[in-house]
N, C-alpha and C. Protein backbone atom coordinates (compact mmCIF):
# COMPACT_ATOMS: atom_id res chain seq x y z
N UNK A 1 90.00 111.21 100.62
CA UNK A 1 90.70 111.91 101.65
C UNK A 1 89.94 113.20 101.93
N UNK A 2 89.67 113.43 103.19
CA UNK A 2 88.98 114.64 103.61
C UNK A 2 90.00 115.55 104.28
N UNK A 3 90.13 116.75 103.77
CA UNK A 3 91.07 117.72 104.32
C UNK A 3 90.29 118.79 105.07
N UNK A 4 90.64 118.99 106.32
CA UNK A 4 89.98 120.00 107.15
C UNK A 4 91.02 121.08 107.46
N UNK A 5 90.94 122.24 106.79
CA UNK A 5 91.96 123.27 106.95
C UNK A 5 91.81 124.11 108.21
N UNK A 6 90.62 124.18 108.78
CA UNK A 6 90.37 124.98 109.98
C UNK A 6 89.19 124.37 110.72
N UNK A 7 89.11 124.59 112.03
CA UNK A 7 87.99 124.03 112.76
C UNK A 7 86.68 124.67 112.30
N UNK A 8 85.74 123.87 111.86
CA UNK A 8 84.46 124.42 111.42
C UNK A 8 83.54 124.72 112.61
N UNK A 9 82.47 125.47 112.36
CA UNK A 9 81.47 125.65 113.42
C UNK A 9 80.94 124.28 113.87
N UNK A 10 80.39 124.22 115.06
CA UNK A 10 79.98 122.95 115.66
C UNK A 10 79.06 122.14 114.74
N UNK A 11 78.09 122.79 114.14
CA UNK A 11 77.15 122.05 113.27
C UNK A 11 77.88 121.45 112.07
N UNK A 12 78.76 122.23 111.46
CA UNK A 12 79.50 121.72 110.31
C UNK A 12 80.46 120.61 110.71
N UNK A 13 80.99 120.68 111.92
CA UNK A 13 81.88 119.62 112.41
C UNK A 13 81.12 118.30 112.50
N UNK A 14 79.88 118.36 112.98
CA UNK A 14 79.05 117.14 113.04
C UNK A 14 78.78 116.60 111.64
N UNK A 15 78.51 117.50 110.70
CA UNK A 15 78.24 117.08 109.33
C UNK A 15 79.48 116.43 108.69
N UNK A 16 80.65 116.96 109.01
CA UNK A 16 81.89 116.34 108.51
C UNK A 16 82.05 114.93 109.07
N UNK A 17 81.78 114.80 110.35
CA UNK A 17 81.87 113.49 110.99
C UNK A 17 80.89 112.52 110.33
N UNK A 18 79.69 112.98 110.04
CA UNK A 18 78.70 112.13 109.37
C UNK A 18 79.15 111.75 107.96
N UNK A 19 79.79 112.66 107.25
CA UNK A 19 80.33 112.37 105.92
C UNK A 19 81.36 111.25 106.00
N UNK A 20 82.25 111.36 106.96
CA UNK A 20 83.30 110.34 107.13
C UNK A 20 82.68 109.01 107.53
N UNK A 21 81.70 109.03 108.42
CA UNK A 21 81.02 107.79 108.82
C UNK A 21 80.29 107.15 107.63
N UNK A 22 79.68 107.97 106.79
CA UNK A 22 78.98 107.44 105.61
C UNK A 22 79.96 106.75 104.68
N UNK A 23 81.10 107.37 104.44
CA UNK A 23 82.11 106.75 103.57
C UNK A 23 82.63 105.46 104.18
N UNK A 24 82.86 105.47 105.49
CA UNK A 24 83.34 104.26 106.17
C UNK A 24 82.31 103.15 106.10
N UNK A 25 81.03 103.50 106.18
CA UNK A 25 79.98 102.47 106.13
C UNK A 25 79.91 101.81 104.76
N UNK A 26 80.43 102.48 103.75
CA UNK A 26 80.49 101.90 102.40
C UNK A 26 81.80 101.15 102.16
N UNK A 27 82.56 100.97 103.22
CA UNK A 27 83.86 100.30 103.17
C UNK A 27 84.85 101.01 102.25
N UNK A 28 84.73 102.33 102.16
CA UNK A 28 85.70 103.12 101.41
C UNK A 28 86.87 103.44 102.32
N UNK A 29 88.09 103.43 101.81
CA UNK A 29 89.22 103.83 102.65
C UNK A 29 89.13 105.33 102.91
N UNK A 30 89.05 105.70 104.17
CA UNK A 30 88.86 107.10 104.53
C UNK A 30 90.09 107.61 105.27
N UNK A 31 90.59 108.74 104.82
CA UNK A 31 91.71 109.42 105.48
C UNK A 31 91.26 110.84 105.76
N UNK A 32 91.44 111.28 106.99
CA UNK A 32 91.05 112.63 107.37
C UNK A 32 92.32 113.37 107.78
N UNK A 33 92.55 114.51 107.13
CA UNK A 33 93.74 115.32 107.39
C UNK A 33 93.32 116.61 108.08
N UNK A 34 93.80 116.81 109.29
CA UNK A 34 93.52 118.02 110.05
C UNK A 34 94.70 118.97 109.86
N UNK A 35 94.45 120.08 109.18
CA UNK A 35 95.51 121.05 108.92
C UNK A 35 95.39 122.24 109.87
N UNK A 36 96.48 122.99 109.98
CA UNK A 36 96.50 124.21 110.77
C UNK A 36 95.93 123.94 112.16
N UNK A 37 95.00 124.76 112.61
CA UNK A 37 94.46 124.56 113.96
C UNK A 37 93.22 123.67 113.97
N UNK A 38 92.92 123.00 112.87
CA UNK A 38 91.79 122.06 112.84
C UNK A 38 92.05 120.87 113.76
N UNK A 39 93.30 120.64 114.11
CA UNK A 39 93.63 119.55 115.03
C UNK A 39 92.96 119.75 116.39
N UNK A 40 92.47 120.95 116.65
CA UNK A 40 91.76 121.18 117.92
C UNK A 40 90.51 120.31 118.02
N UNK A 41 90.00 119.83 116.89
CA UNK A 41 88.85 118.91 116.90
C UNK A 41 89.20 117.60 117.60
N UNK A 42 90.49 117.29 117.67
CA UNK A 42 90.92 116.03 118.28
C UNK A 42 91.18 116.16 119.78
N UNK A 43 90.96 117.35 120.32
CA UNK A 43 91.17 117.52 121.75
C UNK A 43 89.99 118.17 122.46
N UNK A 44 88.97 118.55 121.72
CA UNK A 44 87.81 119.18 122.31
C UNK A 44 86.73 118.18 122.65
N UNK A 45 85.51 118.68 122.83
CA UNK A 45 84.39 117.81 123.21
C UNK A 45 84.07 116.73 122.18
N UNK A 46 84.32 117.00 120.90
CA UNK A 46 84.00 116.02 119.85
C UNK A 46 85.16 115.05 119.59
N UNK A 47 86.22 115.18 120.34
CA UNK A 47 87.41 114.36 120.08
C UNK A 47 87.10 112.87 120.14
N UNK A 48 86.27 112.46 121.07
CA UNK A 48 85.97 111.04 121.23
C UNK A 48 85.41 110.41 119.98
N UNK A 49 84.52 111.11 119.30
CA UNK A 49 83.91 110.56 118.08
C UNK A 49 84.96 110.39 116.99
N UNK A 50 85.82 111.40 116.81
CA UNK A 50 86.86 111.30 115.78
C UNK A 50 87.84 110.17 116.11
N UNK A 51 88.26 110.11 117.38
CA UNK A 51 89.25 109.11 117.77
C UNK A 51 88.69 107.69 117.68
N UNK A 52 87.38 107.53 117.91
CA UNK A 52 86.77 106.21 117.76
C UNK A 52 86.87 105.71 116.33
N UNK A 53 86.79 106.62 115.37
CA UNK A 53 86.94 106.22 113.97
C UNK A 53 88.28 105.53 113.75
N UNK A 54 89.33 106.11 114.33
CA UNK A 54 90.67 105.53 114.18
C UNK A 54 90.78 104.22 114.97
N UNK A 55 90.27 104.22 116.20
CA UNK A 55 90.36 103.03 117.04
C UNK A 55 89.68 101.83 116.41
N UNK A 56 88.56 102.06 115.73
CA UNK A 56 87.81 100.97 115.12
C UNK A 56 88.24 100.68 113.68
N UNK A 57 89.27 101.37 113.22
CA UNK A 57 89.78 101.12 111.87
C UNK A 57 88.88 101.64 110.76
N UNK A 58 88.00 102.57 111.08
CA UNK A 58 87.08 103.12 110.08
C UNK A 58 87.71 104.26 109.28
N UNK A 59 88.69 104.92 109.86
CA UNK A 59 89.35 106.04 109.18
C UNK A 59 90.76 106.20 109.71
N UNK A 60 91.63 106.71 108.87
CA UNK A 60 92.98 107.07 109.29
C UNK A 60 92.99 108.57 109.53
N UNK A 61 93.52 108.99 110.67
CA UNK A 61 93.55 110.40 111.03
C UNK A 61 94.98 110.92 110.98
N UNK A 62 95.15 112.09 110.39
CA UNK A 62 96.46 112.71 110.26
C UNK A 62 96.38 114.16 110.72
N UNK A 63 97.43 114.61 111.39
CA UNK A 63 97.57 116.01 111.77
C UNK A 63 98.79 116.54 111.06
N UNK A 64 98.62 117.69 110.38
CA UNK A 64 99.71 118.29 109.62
C UNK A 64 100.33 119.41 110.43
N UNK A 65 101.64 119.43 110.45
CA UNK A 65 102.36 120.50 111.12
C UNK A 65 103.22 121.24 110.12
N UNK A 66 103.17 122.55 110.18
CA UNK A 66 104.06 123.36 109.34
C UNK A 66 105.31 123.72 110.12
N UNK A 67 105.32 123.39 111.39
CA UNK A 67 106.46 123.68 112.25
C UNK A 67 107.33 122.43 112.35
N UNK A 68 108.50 122.49 111.74
CA UNK A 68 109.38 121.31 111.71
C UNK A 68 109.86 120.88 113.09
N UNK A 69 109.78 121.78 114.07
CA UNK A 69 110.27 121.42 115.40
C UNK A 69 109.23 120.66 116.22
N UNK A 70 108.00 120.58 115.73
CA UNK A 70 106.94 119.88 116.47
C UNK A 70 107.09 118.37 116.30
N UNK A 71 107.44 117.67 117.37
CA UNK A 71 107.65 116.22 117.26
C UNK A 71 106.37 115.39 117.35
N UNK A 72 105.22 116.03 117.45
CA UNK A 72 103.93 115.33 117.54
C UNK A 72 103.85 114.45 118.79
N UNK A 73 104.48 114.88 119.85
CA UNK A 73 104.47 114.10 121.09
C UNK A 73 103.08 113.99 121.72
N UNK A 74 102.24 114.97 121.47
CA UNK A 74 100.96 115.01 122.18
C UNK A 74 99.80 114.42 121.38
N UNK A 75 100.08 113.71 120.31
CA UNK A 75 99.00 113.14 119.50
C UNK A 75 98.37 111.94 120.19
N UNK A 76 97.07 111.84 120.04
CA UNK A 76 96.34 110.70 120.61
C UNK A 76 96.70 109.42 119.86
N UNK A 77 96.57 108.28 120.49
CA UNK A 77 96.80 107.01 119.79
C UNK A 77 95.90 106.91 118.56
N UNK A 78 96.46 106.45 117.47
CA UNK A 78 95.70 106.31 116.24
C UNK A 78 95.78 107.52 115.33
N UNK A 79 96.44 108.58 115.79
CA UNK A 79 96.59 109.80 114.98
C UNK A 79 98.05 109.89 114.55
N UNK A 80 98.26 110.12 113.26
CA UNK A 80 99.61 110.19 112.70
C UNK A 80 99.96 111.63 112.39
N UNK A 81 101.15 112.03 112.76
CA UNK A 81 101.63 113.38 112.44
C UNK A 81 102.35 113.40 111.11
N UNK A 82 102.12 114.45 110.34
CA UNK A 82 102.77 114.63 109.04
C UNK A 82 103.33 116.04 108.94
N UNK A 83 104.48 116.17 108.33
CA UNK A 83 104.99 117.50 107.98
C UNK A 83 104.23 117.97 106.75
N UNK A 84 104.03 119.25 106.63
CA UNK A 84 103.27 119.81 105.49
C UNK A 84 103.86 119.38 104.15
N UNK A 85 105.17 119.24 104.09
CA UNK A 85 105.82 118.85 102.84
C UNK A 85 105.46 117.43 102.41
N UNK A 86 105.01 116.60 103.34
CA UNK A 86 104.66 115.21 103.02
C UNK A 86 103.29 115.07 102.35
N UNK A 87 102.43 116.07 102.50
CA UNK A 87 101.06 115.96 101.97
C UNK A 87 101.01 115.63 100.48
N UNK A 88 101.68 116.40 99.62
CA UNK A 88 101.57 116.09 98.18
C UNK A 88 102.08 114.70 97.83
N UNK A 89 103.10 114.25 98.52
CA UNK A 89 103.67 112.93 98.23
C UNK A 89 102.76 111.81 98.70
N UNK A 90 102.25 111.95 99.90
CA UNK A 90 101.46 110.87 100.50
C UNK A 90 100.07 110.73 99.88
N UNK A 91 99.48 111.86 99.49
CA UNK A 91 98.09 111.83 99.02
C UNK A 91 97.95 112.23 97.56
N UNK A 92 98.99 112.10 96.77
CA UNK A 92 98.96 112.54 95.37
C UNK A 92 97.90 111.81 94.55
N UNK A 93 97.70 110.54 94.77
CA UNK A 93 96.77 109.75 93.96
C UNK A 93 95.38 109.65 94.58
N UNK A 94 95.08 110.47 95.58
CA UNK A 94 93.80 110.40 96.27
C UNK A 94 92.83 111.46 95.74
N UNK A 95 91.56 111.21 95.92
CA UNK A 95 90.54 112.22 95.67
C UNK A 95 90.41 113.04 96.94
N UNK A 96 90.57 114.34 96.80
CA UNK A 96 90.53 115.23 97.96
C UNK A 96 89.15 115.85 98.10
N UNK A 97 88.62 115.86 99.30
CA UNK A 97 87.43 116.62 99.63
C UNK A 97 87.89 117.68 100.62
N UNK A 98 87.85 118.91 100.20
CA UNK A 98 88.30 120.01 101.06
C UNK A 98 87.10 120.54 101.83
N UNK A 99 87.12 120.37 103.14
CA UNK A 99 85.98 120.79 103.98
C UNK A 99 86.05 122.26 104.30
């Protein structure tokens, strides 16, 4: 599981994408969690590359909200919304890579 707590600089964002692609090419189950405002990566210029990962079944994408009133209405297809309280329960047995 790759956790992205904040949007990285453009070069680092590409490197993160390459890390996820490398894991997917090894047929490892990949989950990417976008925390805080890192979800902006899913709506900017690089959004297409991230969303293709989900569309092709190469990675599961999650957006975490700390605001309980956010219904995740604006999420792209293939992106799952999670409340912050769900993180420890859902990913307790996973190896975390904090980007």
